């Protein structure tokens, strides 16, 4: 097999409303709005990403950013998945280089946490929810 290079470019996150989701992610989690393109008929291509998330990989090359694609629910089945895309499990893992900085900032901005931060053998972690109840881990791995 030749040298295959792949990466996950986007992960769809079903949301109720584009604008309220953009506001939550950019204002409370400090994510960057990467793209917001009108596709007509009420559809938009909305990409968001954590700040500074497109750094260099361990081999020194520039790695590609993984974005969240905010996908507005339009059918009853999609609407029922808002906030519960994984059946109540943590869906996304937000890695950070400074757990306490980000935890305290998120706490001050009213982000809902499901537990107290805890230290595990692999790092410091806490479960939080987005505006629809989607569960995330805020995680700083041990070096």
N, C-alpha and C. Protein backbone atom coordinates (compact mmCIF):
# COMPACT_ATOMS: atom_id res chain seq x y z
N UNK A 1 0.84 -1.18 0.00
CA UNK A 1 0.00 0.00 0.00
C UNK A 1 0.89 1.25 0.00
N UNK A 2 0.51 2.23 -0.77
CA UNK A 2 1.28 3.47 -0.83
C UNK A 2 1.08 4.25 0.46
N UNK A 3 1.81 5.32 0.60
CA UNK A 3 1.73 6.16 1.78
C UNK A 3 0.38 6.90 1.81
N UNK A 4 -0.59 6.33 2.48
CA UNK A 4 -1.93 6.90 2.56
C UNK A 4 -1.95 7.96 3.65
N UNK A 5 -2.49 9.11 3.33
CA UNK A 5 -2.66 10.17 4.32
C UNK A 5 -4.12 10.53 4.39
N UNK A 6 -4.70 10.35 5.56
CA UNK A 6 -6.10 10.66 5.77
C UNK A 6 -6.26 11.40 7.09
N UNK A 7 -7.35 12.12 7.22
CA UNK A 7 -7.72 12.72 8.49
C UNK A 7 -9.22 12.97 8.48
N UNK A 8 -9.78 13.07 9.66
CA UNK A 8 -11.19 13.42 9.76
C UNK A 8 -11.29 14.93 9.67
N UNK A 9 -11.96 15.41 8.64
CA UNK A 9 -12.06 16.84 8.41
C UNK A 9 -13.14 17.50 9.26
N UNK A 10 -14.28 16.83 9.37
CA UNK A 10 -15.40 17.40 10.11
C UNK A 10 -16.20 16.30 10.79
N UNK A 11 -16.80 16.64 11.90
CA UNK A 11 -17.72 15.78 12.62
C UNK A 11 -19.03 16.54 12.74
N UNK A 12 -20.11 15.95 12.25
CA UNK A 12 -21.42 16.62 12.30
C UNK A 12 -21.97 16.57 13.72
N UNK A 13 -22.44 17.71 14.18
CA UNK A 13 -23.08 17.85 15.48
C UNK A 13 -24.46 18.43 15.23
N UNK A 14 -25.50 17.64 15.51
CA UNK A 14 -26.87 18.07 15.24
C UNK A 14 -27.27 19.12 16.27
N UNK A 15 -27.75 20.27 15.77
CA UNK A 15 -28.13 21.39 16.64
C UNK A 15 -29.54 21.86 16.30
N UNK A 16 -30.14 22.58 17.24
CA UNK A 16 -31.49 23.11 17.05
C UNK A 16 -31.47 24.35 16.16
N UNK A 17 -30.46 25.21 16.37
CA UNK A 17 -30.41 26.50 15.68
C UNK A 17 -28.95 26.87 15.43
N UNK A 18 -28.65 27.27 14.22
CA UNK A 18 -27.26 27.64 13.89
C UNK A 18 -26.74 28.76 14.78
N UNK A 19 -27.48 29.85 14.84
CA UNK A 19 -26.97 31.05 15.51
C UNK A 19 -26.77 30.85 17.01
N UNK A 20 -27.72 30.17 17.68
CA UNK A 20 -27.54 29.96 19.12
C UNK A 20 -26.39 29.00 19.39
N UNK A 21 -26.18 28.03 18.50
CA UNK A 21 -25.05 27.12 18.66
C UNK A 21 -23.73 27.86 18.42
N UNK A 22 -23.66 28.69 17.39
CA UNK A 22 -22.46 29.49 17.14
C UNK A 22 -22.16 30.36 18.35
N UNK A 23 -23.17 31.00 18.89
CA UNK A 23 -22.96 31.87 20.06
C UNK A 23 -22.41 31.08 21.24
N UNK A 24 -22.99 29.92 21.54
CA UNK A 24 -22.51 29.11 22.66
C UNK A 24 -21.04 28.73 22.46
N UNK A 25 -20.74 28.15 21.32
CA UNK A 25 -19.40 27.63 21.11
C UNK A 25 -18.35 28.74 21.02
N UNK A 26 -18.67 29.87 20.41
CA UNK A 26 -17.69 30.94 20.28
C UNK A 26 -17.59 31.78 21.56
N UNK A 27 -18.69 31.99 22.25
CA UNK A 27 -18.68 32.85 23.43
C UNK A 27 -18.33 32.10 24.72
N UNK A 28 -18.82 30.88 24.88
CA UNK A 28 -18.59 30.15 26.13
C UNK A 28 -17.38 29.22 26.07
N UNK A 29 -17.07 28.68 24.90
CA UNK A 29 -15.94 27.77 24.78
C UNK A 29 -14.77 28.37 24.00
N UNK A 30 -14.96 29.60 23.52
CA UNK A 30 -13.91 30.32 22.76
C UNK A 30 -13.51 29.61 21.47
N UNK A 31 -14.41 28.84 20.88
CA UNK A 31 -14.15 28.23 19.60
C UNK A 31 -14.10 29.31 18.52
N UNK A 32 -13.47 28.98 17.41
CA UNK A 32 -13.38 29.88 16.27
C UNK A 32 -14.46 29.50 15.25
N UNK A 33 -15.10 30.49 14.69
CA UNK A 33 -16.02 30.26 13.57
C UNK A 33 -15.15 30.18 12.32
N UNK A 34 -15.01 29.00 11.77
CA UNK A 34 -14.14 28.76 10.62
C UNK A 34 -14.84 29.15 9.33
N UNK A 35 -16.13 28.80 9.23
CA UNK A 35 -16.89 29.09 8.01
C UNK A 35 -18.37 29.13 8.33
N UNK A 36 -19.08 30.04 7.66
CA UNK A 36 -20.54 30.12 7.76
C UNK A 36 -21.04 30.53 6.38
N UNK A 37 -21.39 29.53 5.58
CA UNK A 37 -21.80 29.76 4.20
C UNK A 37 -23.27 29.41 4.04
N UNK A 38 -24.03 30.32 3.45
CA UNK A 38 -25.45 30.10 3.16
C UNK A 38 -25.57 29.16 1.98
N UNK A 39 -26.28 28.05 2.18
CA UNK A 39 -26.49 27.07 1.12
C UNK A 39 -27.90 27.16 0.54
N UNK A 40 -28.64 28.18 0.96
CA UNK A 40 -30.01 28.44 0.52
C UNK A 40 -30.99 27.45 1.15
N UNK A 41 -32.26 27.79 1.07
CA UNK A 41 -33.35 26.98 1.63
C UNK A 41 -33.17 26.72 3.13
N UNK A 42 -32.59 27.69 3.85
CA UNK A 42 -32.41 27.56 5.29
C UNK A 42 -31.22 26.74 5.73
N UNK A 43 -30.45 26.20 4.79
CA UNK A 43 -29.27 25.41 5.14
C UNK A 43 -28.03 26.29 5.10
N UNK A 44 -27.12 25.97 6.03
CA UNK A 44 -25.83 26.65 6.08
C UNK A 44 -24.74 25.62 6.30
N UNK A 45 -23.55 25.94 5.83
CA UNK A 45 -22.36 25.15 6.09
C UNK A 45 -21.60 25.90 7.17
N UNK A 46 -21.73 25.43 8.42
CA UNK A 46 -21.15 26.13 9.57
C UNK A 46 -20.10 25.23 10.21
N UNK A 47 -18.85 25.69 10.16
CA UNK A 47 -17.74 24.95 10.75
C UNK A 47 -17.17 25.75 11.91
N UNK A 48 -16.95 25.07 13.04
CA UNK A 48 -16.30 25.68 14.20
C UNK A 48 -15.15 24.79 14.63
N UNK A 49 -14.24 25.37 15.38
CA UNK A 49 -13.07 24.61 15.82
C UNK A 49 -12.51 25.25 17.09
N UNK A 50 -11.94 24.43 17.99
CA UNK A 50 -11.28 25.00 19.16
C UNK A 50 -10.15 25.93 18.76
N UNK A 51 -9.82 26.90 19.60
CA UNK A 51 -8.75 27.84 19.26
C UNK A 51 -7.40 27.13 19.11
N UNK A 52 -6.64 27.57 18.13
CA UNK A 52 -5.28 27.07 17.90
C UNK A 52 -5.23 25.56 17.75
N UNK A 53 -6.22 24.97 17.09
CA UNK A 53 -6.28 23.51 17.01
C UNK A 53 -5.67 22.95 15.73
N UNK A 54 -4.93 23.75 15.00
CA UNK A 54 -4.31 23.23 13.78
C UNK A 54 -2.80 23.37 13.83
N UNK A 55 -2.22 22.91 14.94
CA UNK A 55 -0.77 23.01 15.12
C UNK A 55 -0.01 21.93 14.37
N UNK A 56 1.26 21.85 14.62
CA UNK A 56 2.11 20.88 13.95
C UNK A 56 1.96 19.51 14.61
N UNK A 57 2.09 18.47 13.82
CA UNK A 57 2.02 17.11 14.33
C UNK A 57 3.36 16.72 14.94
N UNK A 58 3.41 15.53 15.54
CA UNK A 58 4.63 15.08 16.20
C UNK A 58 5.80 14.91 15.23
N UNK A 59 5.53 14.70 13.94
CA UNK A 59 6.63 14.54 12.99
C UNK A 59 7.04 15.88 12.36
N UNK A 60 6.47 16.99 12.87
CA UNK A 60 6.88 18.31 12.42
C UNK A 60 6.10 18.86 11.25
N UNK A 61 5.23 18.06 10.66
CA UNK A 61 4.45 18.55 9.54
C UNK A 61 3.20 19.25 10.06
N UNK A 62 2.61 20.04 9.23
CA UNK A 62 1.39 20.75 9.61
C UNK A 62 0.22 19.78 9.58
N UNK A 63 -0.46 19.62 10.69
CA UNK A 63 -1.59 18.70 10.74
C UNK A 63 -2.86 19.44 10.34
N UNK A 64 -3.85 18.69 9.91
CA UNK A 64 -5.11 19.29 9.50
C UNK A 64 -6.04 19.41 10.70
N UNK A 65 -6.83 20.45 10.69
CA UNK A 65 -7.77 20.73 11.75
C UNK A 65 -9.00 19.84 11.58
N UNK A 66 -9.51 19.33 12.68
CA UNK A 66 -10.81 18.66 12.67
C UNK A 66 -11.83 19.68 13.15
N UNK A 67 -12.83 19.93 12.31
CA UNK A 67 -13.87 20.90 12.64
C UNK A 67 -15.14 20.20 13.07
N UNK A 68 -15.98 20.93 13.78
CA UNK A 68 -17.35 20.50 14.02
C UNK A 68 -18.21 21.17 12.97
N UNK A 69 -19.03 20.38 12.31
CA UNK A 69 -20.00 20.89 11.36
C UNK A 69 -21.32 20.98 12.11
N UNK A 70 -21.80 22.20 12.34
CA UNK A 70 -23.08 22.38 13.01
C UNK A 70 -24.18 22.10 12.00
N UNK A 71 -24.93 21.03 12.23
CA UNK A 71 -25.95 20.57 11.29
C UNK A 71 -27.32 20.78 11.92
N UNK A 72 -28.09 21.71 11.37
CA UNK A 72 -29.41 22.02 11.92
C UNK A 72 -30.37 20.86 11.66
N UNK A 73 -31.00 20.39 12.74
CA UNK A 73 -31.97 19.30 12.64
C UNK A 73 -33.20 19.78 11.89
N UNK A 74 -33.69 18.94 10.98
CA UNK A 74 -34.87 19.32 10.19
C UNK A 74 -35.97 18.26 10.21
N UNK A 75 -35.65 17.05 10.63
CA UNK A 75 -36.66 15.99 10.67
C UNK A 75 -36.91 15.60 12.12
N UNK A 76 -38.04 14.96 12.41
CA UNK A 76 -38.29 14.50 13.79
C UNK A 76 -37.18 13.60 14.33
N UNK A 77 -36.64 12.73 13.50
CA UNK A 77 -35.57 11.85 13.94
C UNK A 77 -34.32 12.66 14.32
N UNK A 78 -33.97 13.65 13.50
CA UNK A 78 -32.81 14.49 13.80
C UNK A 78 -33.06 15.33 15.05
N UNK A 79 -34.24 15.87 15.18
CA UNK A 79 -34.59 16.69 16.36
C UNK A 79 -34.45 15.85 17.62
N UNK A 80 -34.86 14.58 17.57
CA UNK A 80 -34.76 13.72 18.76
C UNK A 80 -33.31 13.42 19.14
N UNK A 81 -32.38 13.60 18.22
CA UNK A 81 -30.96 13.32 18.49
C UNK A 81 -30.22 14.52 19.07
N UNK A 82 -30.83 15.70 19.07
CA UNK A 82 -30.15 16.89 19.59
C UNK A 82 -29.81 16.66 21.06
N UNK A 83 -28.55 16.80 21.39
CA UNK A 83 -28.10 16.64 22.76
C UNK A 83 -27.92 15.21 23.20
N UNK A 84 -28.22 14.26 22.33
CA UNK A 84 -28.13 12.85 22.72
C UNK A 84 -27.68 11.99 21.54
N UNK A 85 -26.68 12.43 20.84
CA UNK A 85 -26.22 11.71 19.65
C UNK A 85 -25.54 10.40 19.98
N UNK A 86 -25.15 10.21 21.22
CA UNK A 86 -24.45 8.98 21.61
C UNK A 86 -25.17 8.23 22.73
N UNK A 87 -26.46 8.43 22.86
CA UNK A 87 -27.22 7.69 23.85
C UNK A 87 -26.84 8.00 25.29
N UNK A 88 -26.44 9.24 25.54
CA UNK A 88 -26.11 9.65 26.91
C UNK A 88 -24.64 9.55 27.28
N UNK A 89 -23.83 9.01 26.40
CA UNK A 89 -22.40 8.92 26.67
C UNK A 89 -21.71 10.22 26.27
N UNK A 90 -20.49 10.41 26.76
CA UNK A 90 -19.67 11.53 26.30
C UNK A 90 -19.46 11.37 24.81
N UNK A 91 -19.69 12.46 24.07
CA UNK A 91 -19.58 12.42 22.60
C UNK A 91 -18.23 12.93 22.11
N UNK A 92 -17.76 14.03 22.68
CA UNK A 92 -16.54 14.67 22.17
C UNK A 92 -15.57 14.92 23.32
N UNK A 93 -14.30 14.94 23.00
CA UNK A 93 -13.23 15.08 23.98
C UNK A 93 -12.40 16.31 23.61
N UNK A 94 -12.50 17.34 24.44
CA UNK A 94 -11.78 18.59 24.20
C UNK A 94 -10.49 18.56 25.00
N UNK A 95 -9.37 18.36 24.30
CA UNK A 95 -8.07 18.31 24.94
C UNK A 95 -7.56 19.74 25.13
N UNK A 96 -6.88 19.96 26.24
CA UNK A 96 -6.34 21.27 26.56
C UNK A 96 -4.92 21.16 27.09
N UNK A 97 -4.17 22.25 26.98
CA UNK A 97 -2.83 22.29 27.55
C UNK A 97 -2.84 22.87 28.96
N UNK A 98 -4.01 23.39 29.41
CA UNK A 98 -4.12 23.95 30.76
C UNK A 98 -5.55 23.73 31.27
N UNK A 99 -5.74 22.61 31.94
CA UNK A 99 -7.07 22.22 32.40
C UNK A 99 -7.70 23.29 33.27
N UNK A 100 -7.00 23.76 34.29
CA UNK A 100 -7.60 24.68 35.26
C UNK A 100 -7.93 26.04 34.66
N UNK A 101 -7.11 26.51 33.74
CA UNK A 101 -7.42 27.76 33.03
C UNK A 101 -8.76 27.62 32.30
N UNK A 102 -8.88 26.56 31.52
CA UNK A 102 -10.09 26.39 30.72
C UNK A 102 -11.30 26.04 31.56
N UNK A 103 -11.13 25.21 32.57
CA UNK A 103 -12.24 24.87 33.46
C UNK A 103 -12.78 26.12 34.14
N UNK A 104 -11.90 26.93 34.71
CA UNK A 104 -12.34 28.14 35.42
C UNK A 104 -12.97 29.15 34.48
N UNK A 105 -12.45 29.29 33.27
CA UNK A 105 -13.04 30.19 32.29
C UNK A 105 -14.44 29.72 31.89
N UNK A 106 -14.58 28.44 31.62
CA UNK A 106 -15.87 27.88 31.25
C UNK A 106 -16.87 28.01 32.41
N UNK A 107 -16.41 27.76 33.62
CA UNK A 107 -17.25 27.89 34.81
C UNK A 107 -17.75 29.33 34.94
N UNK A 108 -16.86 30.30 34.72
CA UNK A 108 -17.23 31.71 34.84
C UNK A 108 -18.21 32.15 33.76
N UNK A 109 -18.25 31.40 32.65
CA UNK A 109 -19.16 31.74 31.55
C UNK A 109 -20.47 30.95 31.61
N UNK A 110 -20.66 30.19 32.69
CA UNK A 110 -21.93 29.50 32.90
C UNK A 110 -22.06 28.15 32.24
N UNK A 111 -20.96 27.53 31.84
CA UNK A 111 -21.02 26.19 31.26
C UNK A 111 -21.43 25.21 32.36
N UNK A 112 -22.30 24.27 32.02
CA UNK A 112 -22.79 23.28 32.98
C UNK A 112 -21.83 22.10 33.06
N UNK A 113 -21.39 21.80 34.29
CA UNK A 113 -20.53 20.65 34.53
C UNK A 113 -21.34 19.58 35.25
N UNK A 114 -21.12 18.33 34.89
CA UNK A 114 -21.88 17.21 35.46
C UNK A 114 -21.23 16.62 36.69
N UNK A 115 -20.05 17.09 37.03
CA UNK A 115 -19.29 16.52 38.13
C UNK A 115 -18.19 17.50 38.52
N UNK A 116 -17.49 17.16 39.58
CA UNK A 116 -16.30 17.92 39.96
C UNK A 116 -15.12 17.38 39.15
N UNK A 117 -14.13 18.23 38.85
CA UNK A 117 -12.94 17.74 38.15
C UNK A 117 -12.29 16.61 38.94
N UNK A 118 -11.70 15.68 38.21
CA UNK A 118 -11.05 14.56 38.87
C UNK A 118 -9.71 14.26 38.19
N UNK A 119 -8.80 13.75 38.98
CA UNK A 119 -7.49 13.35 38.47
C UNK A 119 -7.52 11.84 38.30
N UNK A 120 -7.25 11.42 37.09
CA UNK A 120 -7.21 10.00 36.74
C UNK A 120 -5.77 9.64 36.38
N UNK A 121 -5.45 8.37 36.28
CA UNK A 121 -4.07 7.99 35.91
C UNK A 121 -3.61 8.60 34.58
N UNK A 122 -4.53 8.87 33.68
CA UNK A 122 -4.18 9.41 32.36
C UNK A 122 -4.18 10.94 32.30
N UNK A 123 -4.79 11.61 33.30
CA UNK A 123 -4.82 13.07 33.28
C UNK A 123 -5.94 13.64 34.13
N UNK A 124 -6.22 14.93 33.94
CA UNK A 124 -7.28 15.63 34.67
C UNK A 124 -8.46 15.80 33.72
N UNK A 125 -9.67 15.52 34.23
CA UNK A 125 -10.85 15.46 33.36
C UNK A 125 -12.09 15.91 34.11
N UNK A 126 -13.04 16.44 33.35
CA UNK A 126 -14.36 16.77 33.87
C UNK A 126 -15.35 16.67 32.71
N UNK A 127 -16.57 16.23 33.01
CA UNK A 127 -17.63 16.15 32.00
C UNK A 127 -18.44 17.44 32.05
N UNK A 128 -18.67 18.03 30.87
CA UNK A 128 -19.52 19.21 30.77
C UNK A 128 -20.52 19.02 29.65
N UNK A 129 -21.50 19.91 29.59
CA UNK A 129 -22.54 19.84 28.56
C UNK A 129 -22.56 21.10 27.73
N UNK A 130 -22.92 20.93 26.44
CA UNK A 130 -23.15 22.10 25.61
C UNK A 130 -24.57 22.60 25.85
N UNK A 131 -25.00 23.56 25.07
CA UNK A 131 -26.30 24.18 25.30
C UNK A 131 -27.47 23.23 25.09
N UNK A 132 -27.25 22.10 24.44
CA UNK A 132 -28.33 21.13 24.20
C UNK A 132 -28.22 19.89 25.08
N UNK A 133 -27.18 19.81 25.90
CA UNK A 133 -26.99 18.65 26.76
C UNK A 133 -26.02 17.62 26.23
N UNK A 134 -25.40 17.89 25.07
CA UNK A 134 -24.38 16.97 24.55
C UNK A 134 -23.22 16.93 25.54
N UNK A 135 -22.81 15.73 25.92
CA UNK A 135 -21.73 15.58 26.91
C UNK A 135 -20.37 15.60 26.24
N UNK A 136 -19.47 16.33 26.88
CA UNK A 136 -18.09 16.47 26.45
C UNK A 136 -17.18 16.16 27.64
N UNK A 137 -15.95 15.74 27.36
CA UNK A 137 -14.89 15.72 28.36
C UNK A 137 -13.96 16.89 28.09
N UNK A 138 -13.65 17.65 29.12
CA UNK A 138 -12.52 18.58 29.08
C UNK A 138 -11.36 17.80 29.70
N UNK A 139 -10.26 17.69 28.98
CA UNK A 139 -9.23 16.75 29.34
C UNK A 139 -7.84 17.30 29.12
N UNK A 140 -7.02 17.20 30.16
CA UNK A 140 -5.58 17.46 30.01
C UNK A 140 -4.86 16.17 30.31
N UNK A 141 -4.25 15.60 29.28
CA UNK A 141 -3.52 14.35 29.44
C UNK A 141 -2.20 14.58 30.15
N UNK A 142 -1.75 13.58 30.90
CA UNK A 142 -0.42 13.62 31.49
C UNK A 142 0.60 13.51 30.36
N UNK A 143 1.74 14.15 30.57
CA UNK A 143 2.80 14.07 29.54
C UNK A 143 3.47 12.74 29.54
